[in-house]
Amino acid sequence: MAEEKKENTARIDQEKQAKLKAKTEADEIKNMSSAELRTKLSNKNSDYVFRLQKELEKQGNMNADDAAARVDQLLPEIIIAQRRGQPANDLYMASPSIKAEQILHPEEKPKTLMDIPFWQRATDSTLLWLGTFTAFYGLMGIFNTKIQSTQNGVLTILVFCILLGVFWAKYNEWTMPKSKDNRRPKMSWPKLLGISALFVVGLFVLMGIFMLPIFKVINPVLPGIAYLIIAVIAFAGRYYFRKYYHITGSVFMPNPQSGKSK
């Protein structure tokens, strides 16, 4: 046991020393000038860098200085990999021609709904719910003109959709995984269920308040066609809002597989 513990301690010390050495070398390389780094390139890496620079000049219509500046940004990582015995060709898994294309046209990481500011997510969600509910009540109003309950009033629907939009945007945030490695949501499920239950109760209380006679004046029930017009405006507004702010995903799918808007 004592020998095993001693071996483990020695191994841990070696790992710490290796990490410290790697960090020291990395810091040393980062402090070197580009001209200095170029002198430390192996023949193989020197050839790779030369051809990469020429490809940048050719594909990107760059002058020699601009192409050299782009290549200089890669030199520290090339030298670090070189010291580990890994040439640039293996480091990037690409020929100079392909690497130049990747530098000039980097692949953009798809945005998720969580990359978008909260107010934009809440607005997008609110417009979606507003369009959905007003379309529903519009059709109900056309086929059943006797519906005059204040729970179908325009103010009730508007406030309900705003609260639902804000809550749903926040709910998506709460249910997002803590990290790539930890798939559990940021908030525990019991808390989520508790908050959701309180929200539903709050909505029913609010709807009960709006049903009081005092609110009939400011909370009128509009004709079905009026609700349908509001629905069209809400959906059109949401479309242009998403297009203007480049919003991807939706309240039902916060993590799209592509950067295209839904």
C-alpha atoms as a PDB file:
ATOM      1  CA  MET A   1       0.000   0.000   0.000  1.00  0.00           C
ATOM      2  CA  ALA A   2       2.790   2.387   0.932  1.00  0.00           C
ATOM      3  CA  GLU A   3       4.636   1.705  -2.327  1.00  0.00           C
ATOM      4  CA  GLU A   4       1.458   2.119  -4.361  1.00  0.00           C
ATOM      5  CA  LYS A   5       0.722   5.423  -2.636  1.00  0.00           C
ATOM      6  CA  LYS A   6       4.285   6.543  -3.288  1.00  0.00           C
ATOM      7  CA  GLU A   7       3.955   5.653  -6.986  1.00  0.00           C
ATOM      8  CA  ASN A   8       0.673   7.562  -7.267  1.00  0.00           C
ATOM      9  CA  THR A   9       2.234  10.605  -5.615  1.00  0.00           C
ATOM     10  CA  ALA A  10       5.217  10.427  -7.967  1.00  0.00           C
ATOM     11  CA  ARG A  11       2.910  10.114 -10.984  1.00  0.00           C
ATOM     12  CA  ILE A  12       0.841  13.106  -9.871  1.00  0.00           C
ATOM     13  CA  ASP A  13       4.016  15.144  -9.366  1.00  0.00           C
ATOM     14  CA  GLN A  14       5.215  14.201 -12.848  1.00  0.00           C
ATOM     15  CA  GLU A  15       1.885  15.234 -14.359  1.00  0.00           C
ATOM     16  CA  LYS A  16       2.020  18.573 -12.536  1.00  0.00           C
ATOM     17  CA  GLN A  17       5.576  19.157 -13.709  1.00  0.00           C
ATOM     18  CA  ALA A  18       4.622  18.267 -17.284  1.00  0.00           C
ATOM     19  CA  LYS A  19       1.682  20.702 -17.196  1.00  0.00           C
ATOM     20  CA  LEU A  20       3.859  23.423 -15.690  1.00  0.00           C
ATOM     21  CA  LYS A  21       6.527  22.838 -18.326  1.00  0.00           C
ATOM     22  CA  ALA A  22       3.948  22.954 -21.127  1.00  0.00           C
ATOM     23  CA  LYS A  23       2.503  26.205 -19.757  1.00  0.00           C
ATOM     24  CA  THR A  24       5.966  27.740 -19.441  1.00  0.00           C
ATOM     25  CA  GLU A  25       6.808  26.768 -23.025  1.00  0.00           C
ATOM     26  CA  ALA A  26       3.480  28.112 -24.269  1.00  0.00           C
ATOM     27  CA  ASP A  27       4.047  31.444 -22.500  1.00  0.00           C
ATOM     28  CA  GLU A  28       7.571  31.600 -23.871  1.00  0.00           C
ATOM     29  CA  ILE A  29       6.358  30.991 -27.423  1.00  0.00           C
ATOM     30  CA  LYS A  30       3.569  33.564 -27.135  1.00  0.00           C
ATOM     31  CA  ASN A  31       6.105  36.209 -26.120  1.00  0.00           C
ATOM     32  CA  MET A  32       8.267  35.578 -29.195  1.00  0.00           C
ATOM     33  CA  SER A  33       8.003  37.767 -32.268  1.00  0.00           C
ATOM     34  CA  SER A  34       6.681  36.348 -35.535  1.00  0.00           C
ATOM     35  CA  ALA A  35      10.128  36.576 -37.117  1.00  0.00           C
ATOM     36  CA  GLU A  36      11.575  34.633 -34.199  1.00  0.00           C
ATOM     37  CA  LEU A  37       8.909  31.957 -34.441  1.00  0.00           C
ATOM     38  CA  ARG A  38       9.526  31.485 -38.157  1.00  0.00           C
ATOM     39  CA  THR A  39      13.186  30.676 -37.482  1.00  0.00           C
ATOM     40  CA  LYS A  40      12.095  27.864 -35.167  1.00  0.00           C
ATOM     41  CA  LEU A  41       9.928  26.120 -37.758  1.00  0.00           C
ATOM     42  CA  SER A  42      11.037  22.718 -38.965  1.00  0.00           C
ATOM     43  CA  ASN A  43      11.650  22.288 -42.687  1.00  0.00           C
ATOM     44  CA  LYS A  44       8.303  20.527 -43.055  1.00  0.00           C
ATOM     45  CA  ASN A  45       6.399  23.217 -41.165  1.00  0.00           C
ATOM     46  CA  SER A  46       8.297  25.982 -42.914  1.00  0.00           C
ATOM     47  CA  ASP A  47       7.166  24.563 -46.256  1.00  0.00           C
ATOM     48  CA  TYR A  48       3.567  24.288 -44.974  1.00  0.00           C
ATOM     49  CA  VAL A  49       3.583  27.904 -43.788  1.00  0.00           C
ATOM     50  CA  PHE A  50       5.073  29.109 -47.079  1.00  0.00           C
ATOM     51  CA  ARG A  51       2.441  27.307 -49.156  1.00  0.00           C
ATOM     52  CA  LEU A  52      -0.355  28.430 -46.813  1.00  0.00           C
ATOM     53  CA  GLN A  53       0.694  32.051 -47.235  1.00  0.00           C
ATOM     54  CA  LYS A  54       0.726  31.694 -51.013  1.00  0.00           C
ATOM     55  CA  GLU A  55      -2.754  30.120 -50.954  1.00  0.00           C
ATOM     56  CA  LEU A  56      -4.071  33.030 -48.864  1.00  0.00           C
ATOM     57  CA  GLU A  57      -2.651  35.486 -51.389  1.00  0.00           C
ATOM     58  CA  LYS A  58      -4.213  33.519 -54.235  1.00  0.00           C
ATOM     59  CA  GLN A  59      -7.628  32.640 -52.769  1.00  0.00           C
ATOM     60  CA  GLY A  60      -8.143  35.809 -50.753  1.00  0.00           C
ATOM     61  CA  ASN A  61      -6.614  38.252 -53.241  1.00  0.00           C
ATOM     62  CA  MET A  62      -4.317  39.440 -50.434  1.00  0.00           C
ATOM     63  CA  ASN A  63      -0.991  41.135 -50.641  1.00  0.00           C
ATOM     64  CA  ALA A  64       2.021  39.385 -49.113  1.00  0.00           C
ATOM     65  CA  ASP A  65       1.955  41.441 -45.894  1.00  0.00           C
ATOM     66  CA  ASP A  66      -1.719  40.718 -45.143  1.00  0.00           C
ATOM     67  CA  ALA A  67      -1.300  37.017 -45.866  1.00  0.00           C
ATOM     68  CA  ALA A  68       1.804  36.883 -43.660  1.00  0.00           C
ATOM     69  CA  ALA A  69      -0.104  38.583 -40.839  1.00  0.00           C
ATOM     70  CA  ARG A  70      -2.856  35.946 -41.015  1.00  0.00           C
ATOM     71  CA  VAL A  71      -0.284  33.153 -40.951  1.00  0.00           C
ATOM     72  CA  ASP A  72       1.588  34.773 -38.050  1.00  0.00           C
ATOM     73  CA  GLN A  73      -1.502  34.251 -35.883  1.00  0.00           C
ATOM     74  CA  LEU A  74      -1.100  30.481 -36.323  1.00  0.00           C
ATOM     75  CA  LEU A  75       2.633  30.287 -35.608  1.00  0.00           C
ATOM     76  CA  PRO A  76       2.445  29.856 -31.794  1.00  0.00           C
ATOM     77  CA  GLU A  77       0.168  26.807 -32.009  1.00  0.00           C
ATOM     78  CA  ILE A  78       2.211  25.371 -34.874  1.00  0.00           C
ATOM     79  CA  ILE A  79       5.424  25.647 -32.816  1.00  0.00           C
ATOM     80  CA  ILE A  80       3.759  24.161 -29.715  1.00  0.00           C
ATOM     81  CA  ALA A  81       2.483  21.203 -31.769  1.00  0.00           C
ATOM     82  CA  GLN A  82       5.889  20.895 -33.443  1.00  0.00           C
ATOM     83  CA  ARG A  83       7.552  20.415 -30.051  1.00  0.00           C
ATOM     84  CA  ARG A  84       5.175  17.531 -29.430  1.00  0.00           C
ATOM     85  CA  GLY A  85       6.231  15.993 -32.722  1.00  0.00           C
ATOM     86  CA  GLN A  86       3.049  16.987 -34.561  1.00  0.00           C
ATOM     87  CA  PRO A  87       3.550  18.748 -37.920  1.00  0.00           C
ATOM     88  CA  ALA A  88       1.144  21.447 -39.094  1.00  0.00           C
ATOM     89  CA  ASN A  89      -0.363  19.119 -41.684  1.00  0.00           C
ATOM     90  CA  ASP A  90      -1.466  16.742 -38.907  1.00  0.00           C
ATOM     91  CA  LEU A  91      -2.395  19.561 -36.530  1.00  0.00           C
ATOM     92  CA  TYR A  92      -4.956  21.051 -38.906  1.00  0.00           C
ATOM     93  CA  MET A  93      -5.782  17.818 -40.747  1.00  0.00           C
ATOM     94  CA  ALA A  94      -5.844  19.881 -43.917  1.00  0.00           C
ATOM     95  CA  SER A  95      -3.578  20.804 -46.787  1.00  0.00           C
ATOM     96  CA  PRO A  96      -2.413  24.447 -47.094  1.00  0.00           C
ATOM     97  CA  SER A  97      -5.064  24.969 -49.783  1.00  0.00           C
ATOM     98  CA  ILE A  98      -7.911  23.701 -47.588  1.00  0.00           C
ATOM     99  CA  LYS A  99      -6.590  25.489 -44.498  1.00  0.00           C
ATOM    100  CA  ALA A 100      -6.477  28.759 -46.429  1.00  0.00           C
ATOM    101  CA  GLU A 101     -10.101  28.273 -47.434  1.00  0.00           C
ATOM    102  CA  GLN A 102     -11.024  27.595 -43.786  1.00  0.00           C
ATOM    103  CA  ILE A 103      -9.257  30.779 -42.677  1.00  0.00           C
ATOM    104  CA  LEU A 104     -10.950  32.875 -45.346  1.00  0.00           C
ATOM    105  CA  HIS A 105     -14.382  31.295 -44.877  1.00  0.00           C
ATOM    106  CA  PRO A 106     -14.645  30.112 -41.265  1.00  0.00           C
ATOM    107  CA  GLU A 107     -17.596  27.899 -40.467  1.00  0.00           C
ATOM    108  CA  GLU A 108     -19.976  29.738 -38.181  1.00  0.00           C
ATOM    109  CA  LYS A 109     -21.215  27.895 -35.130  1.00  0.00           C
ATOM    110  CA  PRO A 110     -25.028  27.592 -35.252  1.00  0.00           C
ATOM    111  CA  LYS A 111     -26.700  29.964 -32.824  1.00  0.00           C
ATOM    112  CA  THR A 112     -29.167  28.651 -30.307  1.00  0.00           C
ATOM    113  CA  LEU A 113     -32.049  30.496 -28.724  1.00  0.00           C
ATOM    114  CA  MET A 114     -29.936  30.927 -25.579  1.00  0.00           C
ATOM    115  CA  ASP A 115     -27.401  33.043 -27.510  1.00  0.00           C
ATOM    116  CA  ILE A 116     -30.119  35.665 -28.007  1.00  0.00           C
ATOM    117  CA  PRO A 117     -30.839  38.406 -25.406  1.00  0.00           C
ATOM    118  CA  PHE A 118     -33.691  37.566 -23.022  1.00  0.00           C
ATOM    119  CA  TRP A 119     -35.896  40.494 -24.096  1.00  0.00           C
ATOM    120  CA  GLN A 120     -35.748  39.313 -27.708  1.00  0.00           C
ATOM    121  CA  ARG A 121     -36.660  35.747 -26.700  1.00  0.00           C
ATOM    122  CA  ALA A 122     -39.524  37.021 -24.558  1.00  0.00           C
ATOM    123  CA  THR A 123     -40.824  39.272 -27.343  1.00  0.00           C
ATOM    124  CA  ASP A 124     -40.612  36.463 -29.898  1.00  0.00           C
ATOM    125  CA  SER A 125     -42.460  34.120 -27.542  1.00  0.00           C
ATOM    126  CA  THR A 126     -45.114  36.740 -26.710  1.00  0.00           C
ATOM    127  CA  LEU A 127     -45.848  37.446 -30.374  1.00  0.00           C
ATOM    128  CA  LEU A 128     -46.161  33.718 -31.061  1.00  0.00           C
ATOM    129  CA  TRP A 129     -48.667  33.206 -28.238  1.00  0.00           C
ATOM    130  CA  LEU A 130     -50.543  36.398 -29.126  1.00  0.00           C
ATOM    131  CA  GLY A 131     -50.938  35.279 -32.732  1.00  0.00           C
ATOM    132  CA  THR A 132     -52.016  31.789 -31.667  1.00  0.00           C
ATOM    133  CA  PHE A 133     -54.615  32.843 -29.083  1.00  0.00           C
ATOM    134  CA  THR A 134     -56.109  35.704 -31.095  1.00  0.00           C
ATOM    135  CA  ALA A 135     -56.417  33.400 -34.115  1.00  0.00           C
ATOM    136  CA  PHE A 136     -58.207  30.849 -31.914  1.00  0.00           C
ATOM    137  CA  TYR A 137     -60.582  33.409 -30.383  1.00  0.00           C
ATOM    138  CA  GLY A 138     -61.080  34.985 -33.795  1.00  0.00           C
ATOM    139  CA  LEU A 139     -62.319  31.713 -35.264  1.00  0.00           C
ATOM    140  CA  MET A 140     -64.424  31.086 -32.159  1.00  0.00           C
ATOM    141  CA  GLY A 141     -65.932  34.558 -32.491  1.00  0.00           C
ATOM    142  CA  ILE A 142     -66.824  34.044 -36.146  1.00  0.00           C
ATOM    143  CA  PHE A 143     -68.512  30.671 -35.584  1.00  0.00           C
ATOM    144  CA  ASN A 144     -70.072  31.596 -32.224  1.00  0.00           C
ATOM    145  CA  THR A 145     -71.063  35.249 -31.973  1.00  0.00           C
ATOM    146  CA  LYS A 146     -72.651  34.735 -28.529  1.00  0.00           C
ATOM    147  CA  ILE A 147     -69.274  34.503 -26.740  1.00  0.00           C
ATOM    148  CA  GLN A 148     -69.063  37.693 -24.680  1.00  0.00           C
ATOM    149  CA  SER A 149     -67.135  36.581 -21.560  1.00  0.00           C
ATOM    150  CA  THR A 150     -64.451  39.003 -20.362  1.00  0.00           C
ATOM    151  CA  GLN A 151     -62.009  36.090 -20.291  1.00  0.00           C
ATOM    152  CA  ASN A 152     -62.028  36.525 -24.074  1.00  0.00           C
ATOM    153  CA  GLY A 153     -61.491  40.269 -23.729  1.00  0.00           C
ATOM    154  CA  VAL A 154     -58.638  41.855 -25.627  1.00  0.00           C
ATOM    155  CA  LEU A 155     -56.869  43.049 -22.446  1.00  0.00           C
ATOM    156  CA  THR A 156     -57.103  39.584 -20.860  1.00  0.00           C
ATOM    157  CA  ILE A 157     -55.597  37.953 -23.943  1.00  0.00           C
ATOM    158  CA  LEU A 158     -52.849  40.577 -24.247  1.00  0.00           C
ATOM    159  CA  VAL A 159     -51.751  40.353 -20.596  1.00  0.00           C
ATOM    160  CA  PHE A 160     -52.027  36.551 -20.645  1.00  0.00           C
ATOM    161  CA  CYS A 161     -49.796  36.304 -23.745  1.00  0.00           C
ATOM    162  CA  ILE A 162     -47.198  38.729 -22.364  1.00  0.00           C
ATOM    163  CA  LEU A 163     -46.920  36.788 -19.099  1.00  0.00           C
ATOM    164  CA  LEU A 164     -46.863  33.453 -20.918  1.00  0.00           C
ATOM    165  CA  GLY A 165     -44.233  34.740 -23.359  1.00  0.00           C
ATOM    166  CA  VAL A 166     -41.934  35.958 -20.580  1.00  0.00           C
ATOM    167  CA  PHE A 167     -42.455  32.797 -18.524  1.00  0.00           C
ATOM    168  CA  TRP A 168     -41.801  30.479 -21.472  1.00  0.00           C
ATOM    169  CA  ALA A 169     -38.599  32.302 -22.400  1.00  0.00           C
ATOM    170  CA  LYS A 170     -37.420  31.943 -18.804  1.00  0.00           C
ATOM    171  CA  TYR A 171     -38.575  28.323 -18.656  1.00  0.00           C
ATOM    172  CA  ASN A 172     -36.386  27.444 -21.642  1.00  0.00           C
ATOM    173  CA  GLU A 173     -33.460  29.067 -19.841  1.00  0.00           C
ATOM    174  CA  TRP A 174     -34.113  27.058 -16.676  1.00  0.00           C
ATOM    175  CA  THR A 175     -34.354  23.743 -18.521  1.00  0.00           C
ATOM    176  CA  MET A 176     -31.114  24.227 -20.455  1.00  0.00           C
ATOM    177  CA  PRO A 177     -28.325  21.783 -19.458  1.00  0.00           C
ATOM    178  CA  LYS A 178     -25.772  23.114 -16.965  1.00  0.00           C
ATOM    179  CA  SER A 179     -22.946  22.269 -19.375  1.00  0.00           C
ATOM    180  CA  LYS A 180     -22.013  19.998 -22.275  1.00  0.00           C
ATOM    181  CA  ASP A 181     -20.881  17.321 -19.831  1.00  0.00           C
ATOM    182  CA  ASN A 182     -23.712  17.753 -17.338  1.00  0.00           C
ATOM    183  CA  ARG A 183     -27.046  17.257 -19.094  1.00  0.00           C
ATOM    184  CA  ARG A 184     -29.084  18.070 -16.002  1.00  0.00           C
ATOM    185  CA  PRO A 185     -31.106  21.319 -16.223  1.00  0.00           C
ATOM    186  CA  LYS A 186     -29.926  24.462 -14.464  1.00  0.00           C
ATOM    187  CA  MET A 187     -32.916  24.211 -12.128  1.00  0.00           C
ATOM    188  CA  SER A 188     -34.127  20.999 -10.489  1.00  0.00           C
ATOM    189  CA  TRP A 189     -37.381  19.487 -11.774  1.00  0.00           C
ATOM    190  CA  PRO A 190     -39.230  19.848  -8.422  1.00  0.00           C
ATOM    191  CA  LYS A 191     -38.480  23.588  -8.460  1.00  0.00           C
ATOM    192  CA  LEU A 192     -39.548  23.856 -12.097  1.00  0.00           C
ATOM    193  CA  LEU A 193     -42.823  22.075 -11.399  1.00  0.00           C
ATOM    194  CA  GLY A 194     -43.431  24.250  -8.346  1.00  0.00           C
ATOM    195  CA  ILE A 195     -42.800  27.482 -10.241  1.00  0.00           C
ATOM    196  CA  SER A 196     -44.957  26.278 -13.152  1.00  0.00           C
ATOM    197  CA  ALA A 197     -47.817  25.460 -10.772  1.00  0.00           C
ATOM    198  CA  LEU A 198     -47.580  28.894  -9.141  1.00  0.00           C
ATOM    199  CA  PHE A 199     -47.585  30.514 -12.574  1.00  0.00           C
ATOM    200  CA  VAL A 200     -50.737  28.642 -13.630  1.00  0.00           C
ATOM    201  CA  VAL A 201     -52.486  29.565 -10.369  1.00  0.00           C
ATOM    202  CA  GLY A 202     -51.445  33.187 -10.877  1.00  0.00           C
ATOM    203  CA  LEU A 203     -52.909  33.185 -14.388  1.00  0.00           C
ATOM    204  CA  PHE A 204     -56.250  31.869 -13.148  1.00  0.00           C
ATOM    205  CA  VAL A 205     -56.330  34.513 -10.412  1.00  0.00           C
ATOM    206  CA  LEU A 206     -55.555  37.204 -12.980  1.00  0.00           C
ATOM    207  CA  MET A 207     -58.277  35.960 -15.316  1.00  0.00           C
ATOM    208  CA  GLY A 208     -60.699  35.980 -12.381  1.00  0.00           C
ATOM    209  CA  ILE A 209     -59.824  39.608 -11.662  1.00  0.00           C
ATOM    210  CA  PHE A 210     -60.373  40.593 -15.299  1.00  0.00           C
ATOM    211  CA  MET A 211     -63.824  38.984 -15.191  1.00  0.00           C
ATOM    212  CA  LEU A 212     -64.991  41.567 -12.647  1.00  0.00           C
ATOM    213  CA  PRO A 213     -67.623  44.000 -14.047  1.00  0.00           C
ATOM    214  CA  ILE A 214     -65.290  46.972 -13.502  1.00  0.00           C
ATOM    215  CA  PHE A 215     -62.996  45.711 -16.271  1.00  0.00           C
ATOM    216  CA  LYS A 216     -65.698  45.429 -18.958  1.00  0.00           C
ATOM    217  CA  VAL A 217     -65.007  48.949 -20.210  1.00  0.00           C
ATOM    218  CA  ILE A 218     -61.241  48.498 -20.683  1.00  0.00           C
ATOM    219  CA  ASN A 219     -61.446  44.793 -21.536  1.00  0.00           C
ATOM    220  CA  PRO A 220     -63.983  44.550 -24.378  1.00  0.00           C
ATOM    221  CA  VAL A 221     -64.635  41.371 -26.330  1.00  0.00           C
ATOM    222  CA  LEU A 222     -63.820  42.217 -29.941  1.00  0.00           C
ATOM    223  CA  PRO A 223     -65.525  40.748 -33.022  1.00  0.00           C
ATOM    224  CA  GLY A 224     -63.964  37.580 -34.394  1.00  0.00           C
ATOM    225  CA  ILE A 225     -62.614  39.376 -37.474  1.00  0.00           C
ATOM    226  CA  ALA A 226     -60.819  41.896 -35.232  1.00  0.00           C
ATOM    227  CA  TYR A 227     -59.019  39.098 -33.393  1.00  0.00           C
ATOM    228  CA  LEU A 228     -58.026  37.520 -36.710  1.00  0.00           C
ATOM    229  CA  ILE A 229     -56.560  40.849 -37.845  1.00  0.00           C
ATOM    230  CA  ILE A 230     -54.570  41.060 -34.593  1.00  0.00           C
ATOM    231  CA  ALA A 231     -53.367  37.482 -35.183  1.00  0.00           C
ATOM    232  CA  VAL A 232     -52.129  38.358 -38.675  1.00  0.00           C
ATOM    233  CA  ILE A 233     -50.346  41.460 -37.329  1.00  0.00           C
ATOM    234  CA  ALA A 234     -48.771  39.413 -34.497  1.00  0.00           C
ATOM    235  CA  PHE A 235     -47.488  36.669 -36.816  1.00  0.00           C
ATOM    236  CA  ALA A 236     -46.233  39.185 -39.399  1.00  0.00           C
ATOM    237  CA  GLY A 237     -44.603  41.245 -36.655  1.00  0.00           C
ATOM    238  CA  ARG A 238     -42.928  38.134 -35.271  1.00  0.00           C
ATOM    239  CA  TYR A 239     -41.623  37.179 -38.722  1.00  0.00           C
ATOM    240  CA  TYR A 240     -40.000  40.566 -39.315  1.00  0.00           C
ATOM    241  CA  PHE A 241     -38.800  40.807 -35.698  1.00  0.00           C
ATOM    242  CA  ARG A 242     -36.999  37.455 -36.028  1.00  0.00           C
ATOM    243  CA  LYS A 243     -35.607  38.419 -39.411  1.00  0.00           C
ATOM    244  CA  TYR A 244     -34.321  41.788 -38.157  1.00  0.00           C
ATOM    245  CA  TYR A 245     -32.585  40.317 -35.092  1.00  0.00           C
ATOM    246  CA  HIS A 246     -31.548  37.055 -36.804  1.00  0.00           C
ATOM    247  CA  ILE A 247     -33.385  34.948 -34.235  1.00  0.00           C
ATOM    248  CA  THR A 248     -33.123  31.183 -34.675  1.00  0.00           C
ATOM    249  CA  GLY A 249     -35.001  28.399 -32.959  1.00  0.00           C
ATOM    250  CA  SER A 250     -38.311  28.845 -31.202  1.00  0.00           C
ATOM    251  CA  VAL A 251     -39.878  28.500 -27.776  1.00  0.00           C
ATOM    252  CA  PHE A 252     -40.514  24.836 -28.593  1.00  0.00           C
ATOM    253  CA  MET A 253     -37.057  24.138 -30.056  1.00  0.00           C
ATOM    254  CA  PRO A 254     -34.427  26.370 -28.405  1.00  0.00           C
ATOM    255  CA  ASN A 255     -31.489  24.455 -29.929  1.00  0.00           C
ATOM    256  CA  PRO A 256     -31.793  24.372 -33.739  1.00  0.00           C
ATOM    257  CA  GLN A 257     -29.496  22.132 -35.723  1.00  0.00           C
ATOM    258  CA  SER A 258     -28.720  24.872 -38.203  1.00  0.00           C
ATOM    259  CA  GLY A 259     -28.348  28.579 -38.209  1.00  0.00           C
ATOM    260  CA  LYS A 260     -31.414  29.063 -40.362  1.00  0.00           C
ATOM    261  CA  SER A 261     -34.395  30.781 -38.886  1.00  0.00           C
ATOM    262  CA  LYS A 262     -37.432  28.663 -38.205  1.00  0.00           C
END
